[in-house]
Protein backbone atom coordinates (compact mmCIF):
# COMPACT_ATOMS: atom_id res chain seq x y z
CA MET A 1 56.13 -100.67 -76.51
CA ASN A 2 59.64 -99.80 -74.40
CA ASN A 3 59.65 -96.18 -75.82
CA PRO A 4 56.57 -94.88 -74.49
CA THR A 5 57.56 -96.27 -70.98
CA LEU A 6 60.81 -94.41 -71.39
CA LEU A 7 59.16 -91.31 -72.50
CA VAL A 8 57.21 -91.29 -69.57
CA ALA A 9 60.12 -92.15 -67.07
CA ILE A 10 61.90 -89.26 -68.80
CA GLY A 11 58.64 -86.82 -68.08
CA LEU A 12 58.30 -87.80 -64.79
CA GLY A 13 62.23 -87.31 -64.07
CA ALA A 14 61.83 -83.77 -65.82
CA LEU A 15 58.75 -83.05 -63.76
CA LEU A 16 60.51 -83.76 -60.49
CA LEU A 17 63.67 -82.10 -61.57
CA GLY A 18 61.80 -79.03 -62.30
CA GLY A 19 59.87 -79.24 -59.06
CA LEU A 20 62.95 -79.46 -57.22
CA ILE A 21 64.39 -76.71 -58.90
CA GLY A 22 61.25 -74.49 -58.22
CA TYR A 23 61.68 -75.46 -54.65
CA LEU A 24 65.10 -74.34 -54.33
CA ILE A 25 64.59 -71.09 -56.24
CA LYS A 26 61.47 -70.55 -53.88
CA GLN A 27 63.63 -71.14 -50.97
CA ASN A 28 66.26 -68.82 -52.19
CA ILE A 29 63.65 -65.96 -52.55
CA VAL A 30 62.30 -66.52 -48.99
CA GLU A 31 65.62 -66.61 -47.59
CA SER A 32 66.63 -63.33 -49.29
CA GLN A 33 63.40 -61.62 -48.31
CA ARG A 34 63.99 -62.82 -44.71
CA LYS A 35 67.46 -61.30 -44.81
CA ALA A 36 66.18 -57.89 -46.16
CA GLN A 37 63.54 -57.85 -43.47
CA ASN A 38 66.16 -58.60 -40.90
CA LEU A 39 68.19 -55.88 -41.97
CA LYS A 40 65.39 -53.49 -42.01
CA ALA A 41 64.27 -54.48 -38.64
CA ASP A 42 67.93 -53.86 -37.58
CA HIS A 43 67.87 -50.72 -38.97
CA ILE A 44 64.51 -49.44 -37.51
CA ILE A 45 65.99 -50.79 -34.28
CA THR A 46 69.23 -48.72 -34.55
CA GLU A 47 67.12 -45.72 -35.53
CA ALA A 48 64.70 -46.10 -32.57
CA LYS A 49 67.34 -46.60 -30.12
CA GLU A 50 69.07 -43.19 -31.57
CA ARG A 51 65.60 -41.41 -31.23
CA ALA A 52 65.03 -42.53 -27.64
CA ARG A 53 68.66 -41.59 -26.80
CA GLU A 54 67.76 -37.99 -28.29
CA ILE A 55 64.28 -37.71 -26.53
CA GLU A 56 66.23 -38.65 -23.14
CA LEU A 57 68.40 -36.02 -23.76
CA GLU A 58 65.66 -33.43 -24.33
CA ALA A 59 63.95 -34.73 -21.31
CA LYS A 60 66.77 -34.31 -19.18
CA ASP A 61 67.19 -30.84 -20.47
CA ALA A 62 63.63 -29.76 -19.92
CA ALA A 63 63.93 -31.52 -16.30
CA LEU A 64 66.95 -29.15 -15.61
CA GLN A 65 65.24 -26.12 -16.82
CA ILE A 66 61.96 -26.66 -14.89
CA THR A 67 64.22 -27.51 -11.83
CA GLN A 68 66.15 -24.16 -12.58
CA LYS A 69 62.86 -22.20 -12.71
CA ALA A 70 61.42 -23.93 -9.43
CA GLU A 71 64.73 -22.92 -7.66
CA ASP A 72 64.64 -19.11 -9.15
CA GLU A 73 60.81 -18.85 -7.98
CA LEU A 74 61.55 -20.27 -4.58
CA THR A 75 64.57 -17.83 -4.12
CA ARG A 76 62.00 -15.02 -5.11
CA ARG A 77 59.54 -16.07 -2.68
CA ARG A 78 61.92 -16.48 0.19
CA ILE A 79 62.95 -12.86 -0.65
CA GLU A 80 59.43 -11.67 -0.64
CA LEU A 81 58.57 -13.47 2.47
CA THR A 82 61.40 -11.94 3.86
CA LYS A 83 60.56 -8.48 2.97
CA GLU A 84 57.12 -9.06 4.24
CA ASP A 85 58.20 -10.30 7.94
CA ASP A 86 60.58 -7.13 7.97
CA ARG A 87 57.15 -5.06 7.28
CA LEU A 88 55.15 -7.21 9.87
CA GLN A 89 57.78 -6.60 12.44
CA LYS A 90 57.91 -2.97 11.61
CA ARG A 91 54.33 -2.85 11.91
CA ARG A 92 54.22 -4.96 15.16
CA ASP A 93 56.58 -2.35 16.43
CA GLU A 94 54.34 0.78 15.26
CA LEU A 95 51.44 -0.75 17.11
CA ASP A 96 53.20 -1.42 20.50
CA GLN A 97 54.32 2.31 20.40
CA ARG A 98 50.74 3.39 19.58
CA LEU A 99 49.61 1.01 22.42
CA GLU A 100 51.70 2.65 24.96
CA LYS A 101 50.65 6.14 23.99
CA TYR A 102 46.89 4.88 24.23
CA GLU A 103 47.84 3.56 27.77
CA GLU A 104 49.36 6.70 28.60
CA ARG A 105 46.36 8.69 27.24
CA GLU A 106 43.95 6.29 29.28
CA ALA A 107 45.69 6.88 32.41
CA ARG A 108 45.68 10.82 31.73
CA LEU A 109 41.62 10.54 31.13
CA ASN A 110 40.93 8.33 33.95
CA LYS A 111 42.88 10.92 36.28
CA ARG A 112 40.96 13.68 34.43
CA GLN A 113 37.39 11.60 34.85
CA SER A 114 38.11 11.60 38.62
CA SER A 115 38.40 15.40 38.73
CA ILE A 116 35.32 15.85 36.80
CA ASP A 117 33.35 13.40 38.98
CA LYS A 118 34.55 15.42 42.04
CA ARG A 119 33.70 18.49 40.46
CA ALA A 120 30.18 17.16 39.25
CA ASN A 121 29.44 15.91 43.14
CA GLU A 122 30.44 19.67 44.02
CA ILE A 123 28.01 21.21 41.57
CA ASN A 124 25.13 18.56 42.58
CA THR A 125 25.72 19.78 46.15
CA LEU A 126 25.28 23.49 45.22
CA TYR A 127 22.00 22.61 43.12
CA GLU A 128 20.58 20.91 45.88
CA GLN A 129 21.46 23.82 48.33
CA GLN A 130 20.03 26.24 45.48
CA MET A 131 17.03 24.16 45.18
CA ALA A 132 16.56 23.96 48.91
CA GLU A 133 16.95 27.99 48.98
CA LEU A 134 14.39 28.36 46.28
CA GLN A 135 11.66 26.28 47.70
CA ARG A 136 12.23 28.11 51.12
CA VAL A 137 12.01 31.46 49.41
CA SER A 138 9.10 30.59 46.98
CA GLU A 139 7.39 28.42 49.59
CA MET A 140 6.65 26.01 46.64
CA THR A 141 8.22 22.38 46.41
CA LYS A 142 9.88 21.26 43.09
CA ASP A 143 6.93 19.05 41.90
CA GLU A 144 4.40 22.16 42.39
CA ALA A 145 6.80 24.39 40.28
CA ARG A 146 7.16 21.80 37.61
CA GLU A 147 3.42 21.26 37.41
CA ILE A 148 2.76 24.82 37.08
CA LEU A 149 5.39 25.08 34.25
CA LEU A 150 4.31 22.11 32.53
CA ALA A 151 0.70 23.48 32.53
CA GLU A 152 1.77 26.88 31.02
CA THR A 153 3.96 25.04 28.69
CA GLU A 154 1.24 23.00 27.67
CA LYS A 155 -1.11 25.87 27.17
CA GLU A 156 1.41 27.80 24.92
CA ALA A 157 1.98 24.44 23.08
CA ARG A 158 -1.60 23.85 22.54
CA ALA A 159 -1.95 27.32 21.20
CA ASP A 160 0.88 26.90 18.88
CA MET A 161 -0.32 23.78 17.92
CA ALA A 162 -3.71 24.83 16.95
CA ARG A 163 -2.07 28.02 14.70
CA ILE A 164 0.16 25.35 13.04
CA ILE A 165 -2.79 23.25 12.25
CA ARG A 166 -4.92 25.82 11.04
CA GLN A 167 -1.98 27.41 8.94
CA ILE A 168 -1.23 23.79 7.36
CA GLU A 169 -4.97 23.33 6.56
CA SER A 170 -5.46 26.49 5.03
CA GLU A 171 -2.37 26.06 2.89
CA ALA A 172 -3.61 22.44 1.99
CA ARG A 173 -7.10 23.89 1.33
CA GLU A 174 -5.82 26.62 -0.71
CA GLU A 175 -3.72 24.38 -2.85
CA GLY A 176 -5.84 21.35 -3.16
CA ASN A 177 -9.40 22.65 -3.50
CA SER A 178 -8.33 24.20 -6.90
CA ARG A 179 -6.88 21.27 -8.27
CA ALA A 180 -9.62 18.78 -6.90
CA ARG A 181 -12.21 21.06 -8.11
CA GLU A 182 -10.72 21.10 -11.47
CA LEU A 183 -10.25 17.26 -11.62
CA ILE A 184 -13.79 16.74 -10.21
CA ALA A 185 -15.28 19.24 -12.50
CA ASP A 186 -13.61 17.81 -15.72
CA ALA A 187 -14.42 14.21 -14.71
CA ILE A 188 -18.14 14.76 -14.25
CA GLN A 189 -18.22 17.21 -17.33
CA ARG A 190 -16.39 14.17 -19.43
CA VAL A 191 -18.56 11.61 -18.14
CA ALA A 192 -21.92 13.82 -18.86
CA SER A 193 -24.93 11.50 -17.34
CA GLU A 194 -27.57 13.11 -18.95
CA LYS A 195 -30.41 11.71 -16.45
CA VAL A 196 -30.88 9.90 -13.48
CA ALA A 197 -31.53 6.10 -14.18
CA GLU A 198 -35.13 4.95 -14.29
CA VAL A 199 -36.17 3.21 -10.99
CA THR A 200 -37.35 -0.36 -11.52
CA THR A 201 -41.16 -0.69 -11.18
CA SER A 202 -43.23 -3.42 -10.11
CA LEU A 203 -46.66 -2.14 -11.29
CA VAL A 204 -48.32 -4.06 -13.95
CA GLU A 205 -50.91 -2.06 -16.21
CA LEU A 206 -54.00 -3.77 -17.30
CA PRO A 207 -56.15 -3.31 -19.94
CA ASN A 208 -59.69 -3.48 -17.76
CA GLU A 209 -60.74 -4.00 -14.48
CA GLU A 210 -62.00 -7.41 -15.66
CA MET A 211 -58.65 -8.37 -16.01
CA LYS A 212 -57.80 -8.30 -12.14
CA GLY A 213 -60.62 -10.89 -11.87
CA ARG A 214 -59.07 -13.33 -14.53
CA ILE A 215 -55.51 -12.87 -12.53
CA VAL A 216 -57.08 -13.98 -9.32
CA GLY A 217 -59.25 -16.81 -11.06
CA ARG A 218 -61.67 -19.00 -9.50
CA ASN A 219 -61.42 -19.04 -5.58
CA GLY A 220 -58.14 -17.36 -6.07
CA ARG A 221 -56.31 -20.28 -7.71
CA ASN A 222 -54.61 -18.52 -10.62
CA ILE A 223 -53.12 -15.77 -8.05
CA ARG A 224 -51.74 -18.40 -5.71
CA ALA A 225 -50.27 -20.42 -8.29
CA PHE A 226 -48.75 -17.27 -9.72
CA GLU A 227 -47.41 -16.44 -6.17
CA GLN A 228 -46.17 -19.78 -5.54
CA ALA A 229 -44.32 -20.31 -8.59
CA SER A 230 -42.80 -16.67 -8.79
CA GLY A 231 -42.43 -16.07 -5.07
CA VAL A 232 -43.57 -12.94 -5.11
CA ASP A 233 -46.71 -10.95 -3.77
CA VAL A 234 -49.34 -9.95 -6.26
CA ILE A 235 -51.35 -7.22 -4.77
CA VAL A 236 -54.65 -6.55 -6.19
CA ASP A 237 -56.01 -3.40 -4.66
CA ASP A 238 -58.24 -0.28 -5.79
CA THR A 239 -55.55 1.11 -7.99
CA PRO A 240 -57.51 1.33 -11.53
CA ASP A 241 -56.56 -0.79 -14.42
CA ALA A 242 -53.22 -2.11 -12.36
CA VAL A 243 -51.90 -4.38 -9.98
CA THR A 244 -48.92 -4.49 -7.82
CA VAL A 245 -45.82 -7.02 -7.77
CA SER A 246 -44.05 -7.05 -4.22
CA CYS A 247 -41.04 -8.91 -3.48
CA PHE A 248 -37.53 -8.00 -1.81
CA ASP A 249 -35.54 -9.70 -4.59
CA SER A 250 -35.50 -7.33 -7.40
CA VAL A 251 -34.69 -9.83 -10.10
CA ARG A 252 -37.44 -12.12 -9.07
CA ARG A 253 -39.93 -9.14 -9.04
CA GLU A 254 -39.03 -8.32 -12.68
CA ILE A 255 -39.41 -11.83 -13.71
CA ALA A 256 -42.94 -12.01 -12.28
CA ARG A 257 -43.89 -8.65 -13.63
CA ARG A 258 -42.61 -9.81 -17.14
CA SER A 259 -44.54 -12.80 -16.71
CA LEU A 260 -47.68 -11.19 -15.54
CA SER A 261 -47.45 -8.78 -18.52
CA ARG A 262 -47.04 -11.72 -21.05
CA LEU A 263 -50.05 -13.38 -19.17
CA VAL A 264 -52.29 -10.35 -19.49
CA ILE A 265 -51.47 -9.97 -23.25
CA ASP A 266 -51.71 -13.45 -23.95
CA GLY A 267 -55.23 -13.58 -22.02
CA ARG A 268 -54.79 -17.52 -21.22
CA ILE A 269 -54.30 -17.20 -17.38
CA HIS A 270 -54.35 -20.72 -15.89
CA PRO A 271 -51.70 -22.43 -13.72
CA ALA A 272 -50.05 -24.41 -16.53
CA ASN A 273 -49.43 -21.45 -18.71
CA ILE A 274 -48.47 -19.47 -15.62
CA GLU A 275 -45.55 -22.18 -15.04
CA LYS A 276 -44.53 -22.29 -18.73
CA ILE A 277 -44.22 -18.60 -19.13
CA LEU A 278 -42.44 -17.90 -15.67
CA LYS A 279 -39.81 -20.53 -16.79
CA GLU A 280 -39.41 -19.17 -20.20
CA GLU A 281 -39.08 -15.78 -18.50
CA ASN A 282 -36.63 -17.11 -16.00
CA GLU A 283 -34.29 -18.38 -19.02
CA GLN A 284 -34.95 -14.92 -20.80
CA MET A 285 -33.85 -13.02 -17.59
CA ASP A 286 -30.47 -15.10 -17.09
CA GLU A 287 -29.64 -14.15 -20.68
CA ASP A 288 -30.58 -10.60 -20.25
CA ILE A 289 -28.52 -10.54 -17.07
CA PHE A 290 -25.72 -11.72 -18.54
CA GLN A 291 -26.18 -9.52 -21.77
CA ALA A 292 -26.62 -6.49 -19.44
CA GLY A 293 -23.14 -7.24 -17.67
CA GLU A 294 -21.46 -7.69 -21.03
CA GLN A 295 -22.96 -4.26 -22.30
CA ALA A 296 -22.00 -2.53 -19.08
CA ALA A 297 -18.43 -3.95 -19.05
CA TYR A 298 -18.02 -2.64 -22.46
CA ASP A 299 -19.56 0.85 -21.64
CA ALA A 300 -16.98 1.15 -18.69
CA GLY A 301 -14.24 -0.03 -20.91
CA VAL A 302 -13.40 -2.91 -18.49
CA ALA A 303 -12.25 -6.12 -20.60
CA GLY A 304 -11.15 -9.69 -19.45
CA LEU A 305 -14.04 -10.32 -16.67
CA HIS A 306 -15.16 -14.08 -15.82
CA ASN A 307 -18.47 -14.94 -17.06
CA GLU A 308 -19.76 -15.11 -13.77
CA ILE A 309 -18.82 -11.84 -12.71
CA LEU A 310 -20.47 -10.40 -15.80
CA LYS A 311 -23.59 -12.66 -14.98
CA LYS A 312 -23.47 -11.16 -11.33
CA ILE A 313 -22.70 -7.69 -12.17
CA GLY A 314 -25.82 -7.93 -14.72
CA ARG A 315 -28.01 -8.46 -11.92
CA LEU A 316 -27.43 -4.66 -10.74
CA LYS A 317 -29.68 -3.74 -13.48
CA PHE A 318 -32.56 -4.49 -11.54
CA ARG A 319 -31.07 -2.88 -8.09
CA THR A 320 -31.37 0.59 -7.07
CA SER A 321 -30.07 2.71 -4.31
CA TYR A 322 -32.04 5.76 -3.33
CA GLY A 323 -33.60 5.66 -6.72
CA GLN A 324 -30.20 5.48 -8.63
CA ASN A 325 -29.71 2.24 -10.88
CA GLN A 326 -26.76 0.56 -9.39
CA LEU A 327 -25.56 -0.87 -13.02
CA ALA A 328 -25.73 2.74 -14.43
CA HIS A 329 -23.93 3.88 -11.23
CA ALA A 330 -21.15 1.26 -11.33
CA VAL A 331 -20.46 2.63 -15.17
CA GLU A 332 -20.49 5.99 -14.38
CA THR A 333 -18.19 5.61 -11.33
CA ALA A 334 -15.95 3.49 -13.57
CA LYS A 335 -15.74 6.33 -16.07
CA ILE A 336 -15.37 9.03 -13.49
CA ALA A 337 -12.40 6.96 -12.02
CA SER A 338 -10.81 6.57 -15.31
CA VAL A 339 -10.62 10.20 -15.97
CA ILE A 340 -9.26 10.99 -12.36
CA ALA A 341 -6.76 8.41 -12.53
CA ALA A 342 -5.44 9.78 -15.96
CA GLU A 343 -5.09 13.15 -14.74
CA LEU A 344 -3.20 11.87 -11.36
CA GLY A 345 -1.05 9.47 -13.49
CA ALA A 346 -2.28 6.25 -11.81
CA ASP A 347 -2.86 3.08 -13.45
CA VAL A 348 -6.12 3.94 -15.34
CA GLU A 349 -6.91 0.18 -16.09
CA ILE A 350 -6.81 -0.85 -12.30
CA ALA A 351 -8.87 2.10 -11.08
CA LYS A 352 -11.50 1.92 -13.87
CA ALA A 353 -12.03 -1.94 -13.03
CA GLY A 354 -12.15 -1.51 -9.30
CA ALA A 355 -14.57 1.47 -9.84
CA PHE A 356 -16.92 -0.75 -12.08
CA LEU A 357 -16.96 -3.75 -9.65
CA HIS A 358 -16.92 -1.85 -6.24
CA ASP A 359 -20.64 -2.61 -5.75
CA LEU A 360 -20.45 -6.11 -7.06
CA GLY A 361 -21.55 -7.61 -3.54
CA LYS A 362 -24.78 -5.68 -3.83
CA ALA A 363 -25.68 -8.42 -6.50
CA MET A 364 -25.29 -11.37 -3.93
CA ASP A 365 -28.31 -13.32 -2.62
CA HIS A 366 -29.51 -11.93 0.62
CA ASN A 367 -28.72 -15.38 2.40
CA THR A 368 -24.92 -14.39 1.88
CA GLU A 369 -23.56 -13.19 5.02
CA GLY A 370 -21.24 -10.24 5.22
CA THR A 371 -21.01 -6.39 3.95
CA HIS A 372 -21.48 -5.99 0.23
CA ALA A 373 -17.89 -4.75 0.21
CA GLN A 374 -16.52 -8.04 1.70
CA ILE A 375 -18.76 -10.65 -0.21
CA GLY A 376 -17.82 -8.67 -3.39
CA ALA A 377 -14.13 -8.87 -2.97
CA GLU A 378 -14.34 -12.55 -2.00
CA PHE A 379 -16.49 -13.09 -5.00
CA ALA A 380 -13.95 -11.23 -7.50
CA GLN A 381 -11.07 -13.09 -5.87
CA ARG A 382 -12.56 -16.55 -6.49
CA TYR A 383 -12.78 -15.74 -10.11
CA GLY A 384 -9.25 -14.61 -10.59
CA VAL A 385 -9.41 -10.68 -10.35
CA ASN A 386 -6.36 -8.78 -9.73
CA ALA A 387 -5.30 -8.31 -6.10
CA LYS A 388 -5.32 -4.71 -6.28
CA ILE A 389 -8.83 -4.58 -7.83
CA VAL A 390 -9.90 -6.88 -4.83
CA ASN A 391 -8.70 -4.45 -2.47
CA ILE A 392 -10.66 -1.52 -3.97
CA ILE A 393 -13.71 -3.56 -3.61
CA ALA A 394 -13.07 -4.42 -0.16
CA SER A 395 -11.64 -0.79 0.86
CA HIS A 396 -14.41 1.26 -0.61
CA HIS A 397 -16.39 1.74 2.61
CA HIS A 398 -12.96 1.59 4.67
CA GLU A 399 -13.82 -1.85 6.04
CA VAL A 400 -10.17 -2.80 5.01
CA ASP A 401 -7.08 -0.49 4.58
CA GLN A 402 -6.66 1.10 1.11
CA GLU A 403 -3.26 -0.32 -0.45
CA SER A 404 -3.12 1.94 -3.46
CA VAL A 405 -4.00 5.25 -4.71
CA GLU A 406 -6.49 3.79 -7.19
CA ALA A 407 -8.35 2.58 -4.43
CA VAL A 408 -8.79 6.34 -3.28
CA ILE A 409 -9.65 7.23 -6.54
CA ALA A 410 -12.38 4.51 -7.08
CA GLU A 411 -13.92 5.66 -3.69
CA ALA A 412 -14.00 9.28 -4.70
CA ALA A 413 -15.37 8.42 -8.20
CA ASP A 414 -18.10 6.50 -6.20
CA ALA A 415 -19.01 9.64 -3.73
CA ILE A 416 -19.10 11.77 -6.90
CA SER A 417 -21.39 9.43 -8.84
CA GLY A 418 -23.75 9.22 -5.69
CA ALA A 419 -23.59 12.91 -4.50
CA ARG A 420 -24.14 14.74 -7.87
CA PRO A 421 -27.28 16.67 -8.03
CA GLY A 422 -30.07 14.56 -9.22
CA ALA A 423 -28.50 11.27 -8.92
CA ARG A 424 -30.21 9.82 -6.25
CA ARG A 425 -33.44 10.46 -4.28
CA GLU A 426 -35.06 9.50 -0.90
CA ASP A 427 -38.65 9.81 0.34
CA LEU A 428 -39.40 12.80 2.74
CA GLU A 429 -39.76 10.50 5.93
CA GLN A 430 -36.32 9.07 5.33
CA TYR A 431 -34.85 12.61 4.66
CA ILE A 432 -36.35 14.05 8.12
CA LYS A 433 -35.20 11.04 9.95
CA ARG A 434 -31.52 11.08 8.62
CA LEU A 435 -31.30 14.96 9.38
CA ARG A 436 -32.43 14.30 12.99
CA SER A 437 -29.89 11.27 13.29
CA LEU A 438 -27.05 13.69 11.98
CA GLU A 439 -28.14 16.22 14.77
CA ASN A 440 -28.79 13.83 17.65
CA ILE A 441 -25.01 12.23 17.08
CA ALA A 442 -23.65 15.82 17.01
CA ASN A 443 -25.61 16.83 20.31
CA ALA A 444 -24.62 13.80 22.11
CA HIS A 445 -20.88 14.78 22.53
CA PRO A 446 -19.90 17.10 25.66
CA GLY A 447 -19.20 20.58 24.84
CA VAL A 448 -21.79 21.00 21.92
CA GLU A 449 -24.15 23.74 22.49
CA ARG A 450 -26.37 23.15 19.41
CA SER A 451 -26.12 21.82 16.05
CA TYR A 452 -27.60 22.12 12.62
CA ALA A 453 -27.85 19.64 9.62
CA ILE A 454 -28.02 21.80 6.68
CA GLN A 455 -27.33 21.64 2.78
CA ALA A 456 -30.10 18.58 2.59
CA GLY A 457 -28.09 16.70 5.19
CA ARG A 458 -24.86 17.19 3.23
CA GLU A 459 -23.29 19.36 6.00
CA VAL A 460 -23.62 19.27 9.94
CA ARG A 461 -22.59 22.55 11.49
CA ILE A 462 -22.13 22.61 15.24
CA ILE A 463 -21.70 25.46 17.45
CA VAL A 464 -19.54 24.50 20.71
CA LYS A 465 -18.91 25.93 24.15
CA PRO A 466 -15.70 27.91 24.02
CA GLU A 467 -14.72 27.43 27.51
CA GLU A 468 -15.43 23.70 27.51
CA VAL A 469 -13.69 23.05 24.08
CA ASP A 470 -10.50 24.57 22.69
CA ASP A 471 -9.06 24.79 19.25
CA VAL A 472 -7.38 21.72 19.37
CA GLU A 473 -10.31 19.78 20.88
CA ALA A 474 -12.59 21.09 18.12
CA ASN A 475 -10.79 19.57 15.53
CA ARG A 476 -10.56 16.17 17.29
CA LEU A 477 -14.64 16.54 17.67
CA ALA A 478 -15.19 17.14 14.10
CA LYS A 479 -12.98 13.64 13.38
CA ASN A 480 -14.85 11.93 16.09
CA ILE A 481 -18.40 13.01 14.93
CA ALA A 482 -17.32 12.10 11.32
CA GLN A 483 -16.23 8.61 12.59
CA GLN A 484 -19.54 8.01 14.27
CA ILE A 485 -21.55 8.93 11.18
CA GLU A 486 -19.63 6.69 9.15
CA GLU A 487 -20.08 3.93 11.50
CA THR A 488 -23.76 4.23 12.51
CA MET A 489 -25.46 5.56 9.41
CA GLN A 490 -26.32 4.97 5.55
CA TYR A 491 -26.14 7.82 3.35
CA PRO A 492 -25.39 8.79 -0.36
CA GLY A 493 -22.42 11.06 -1.09
CA GLN A 494 -20.57 12.50 1.86
CA ILE A 495 -21.21 14.67 4.87
CA ARG A 496 -19.03 17.65 5.79
CA ILE A 497 -18.66 18.32 9.54
CA THR A 498 -17.97 21.97 10.47
CA VAL A 499 -17.15 22.68 14.13
CA ILE A 500 -17.61 26.48 15.13
CA ARG A 501 -16.01 27.71 18.14
CA GLU A 502 -16.57 31.44 19.04
CA THR A 503 -15.20 33.49 21.98
CA ARG A 504 -16.93 36.72 22.67
CA ALA A 505 -15.97 39.60 25.02
CA THR A 506 -18.65 41.65 26.45
CA GLU A 507 -18.39 44.78 28.48
CA TYR A 508 -20.82 47.60 29.28
CA ALA A 509 -20.07 51.33 29.60
CA LYS A 510 -21.82 53.16 32.45
């Protein structure tokens, strides 16, 4: 039993001895590592100190170099400033010398001015003496002589002015007429409208006289219902197999004409059927008007117009002026303007669109206030039309100033389309009234001896009294009469005003 105890004791002793030995070895290793780290740290610190000394030395060298450069730059700037100061001083001395010269020259000029003033006073005195002597000799005051001289000068100047005006007008006419005729002839030839557009009719043909009674209805109820629903007057007169639809609104009149024609064909003429057909024709008319506007814009080559503008321009299909259909006139005007603009190098699209829309205001309702040019321009502007095109619409009757050459082209195309032979017509009474109005306007001006409206009212030839109207006044008279005609009359195309002044010298040999 003692042997195991001894073994255990020996084992524990050995274990303790081994632990002690291991501890001592570990302590020895740790001490060795600590010493090695201390040595390494000392080495690093030594190297850092040496590097710091090197950096310090380099910084001192760099600072010395920068200081040296700054001193050199400062020295150089001092030298330059010294030189600049010398130049300024030299310049100041030169300016002082020039100022002294100017002062001397001014003194000489003042002395010379005094001499000139003295001489001028002497000349004025002599002039007054001479004028007094001239007035005494001529028995005429200075004002009277001036008036005579001015009158003679004015007379000569007016004669020269009239001669120059005639010369300039003659040269412009010779150069411009040929080119203008070529342009206009080419434009008309290329458009080449074959016939005058048809006049919208309001006559409804009937199959027989019995149909008139059916249209009127018992106690007139059918005709009253039709007139009330359509807003037109139906005239049942002695015209055989026909009735007349009368209304100031061409679109409303056309709707009524179509409806009445359908009723005649259908045969069922009573208030209920009248209202039904009128409603259908109203809807169909809106569609037809839009299609007419679209087709006209396509024919004229104008794209990008708002639908409301196309609807409005389509109404011109049922509007005429002196028998000329206004929608056809708009298309024709656009084509003529396109040709002229292309020849002159203007904006073809602007001229074409402006010419196509120039009579847009004529499609407006009669309740809209203003001229057709004004309300047409406002309507186009409301739907985003180009400002140049709006000006063309507003200015084609010179109600506002024309702002572009395209506006002039559109106006010329409008006149060409309306004035070409066969384009428009007017009844005899209106024709005679227009000719008399032209002659009366001309005869109302002072100095007019007699006047004649010739060439179907397209020219007014005026004979003036030569002793009352000179050449300059003749030109002014022609412009005044043309302006008065533009302001007071409506007419197709343009009217030429020709003033004739003739002086005759007659003597008799006895």
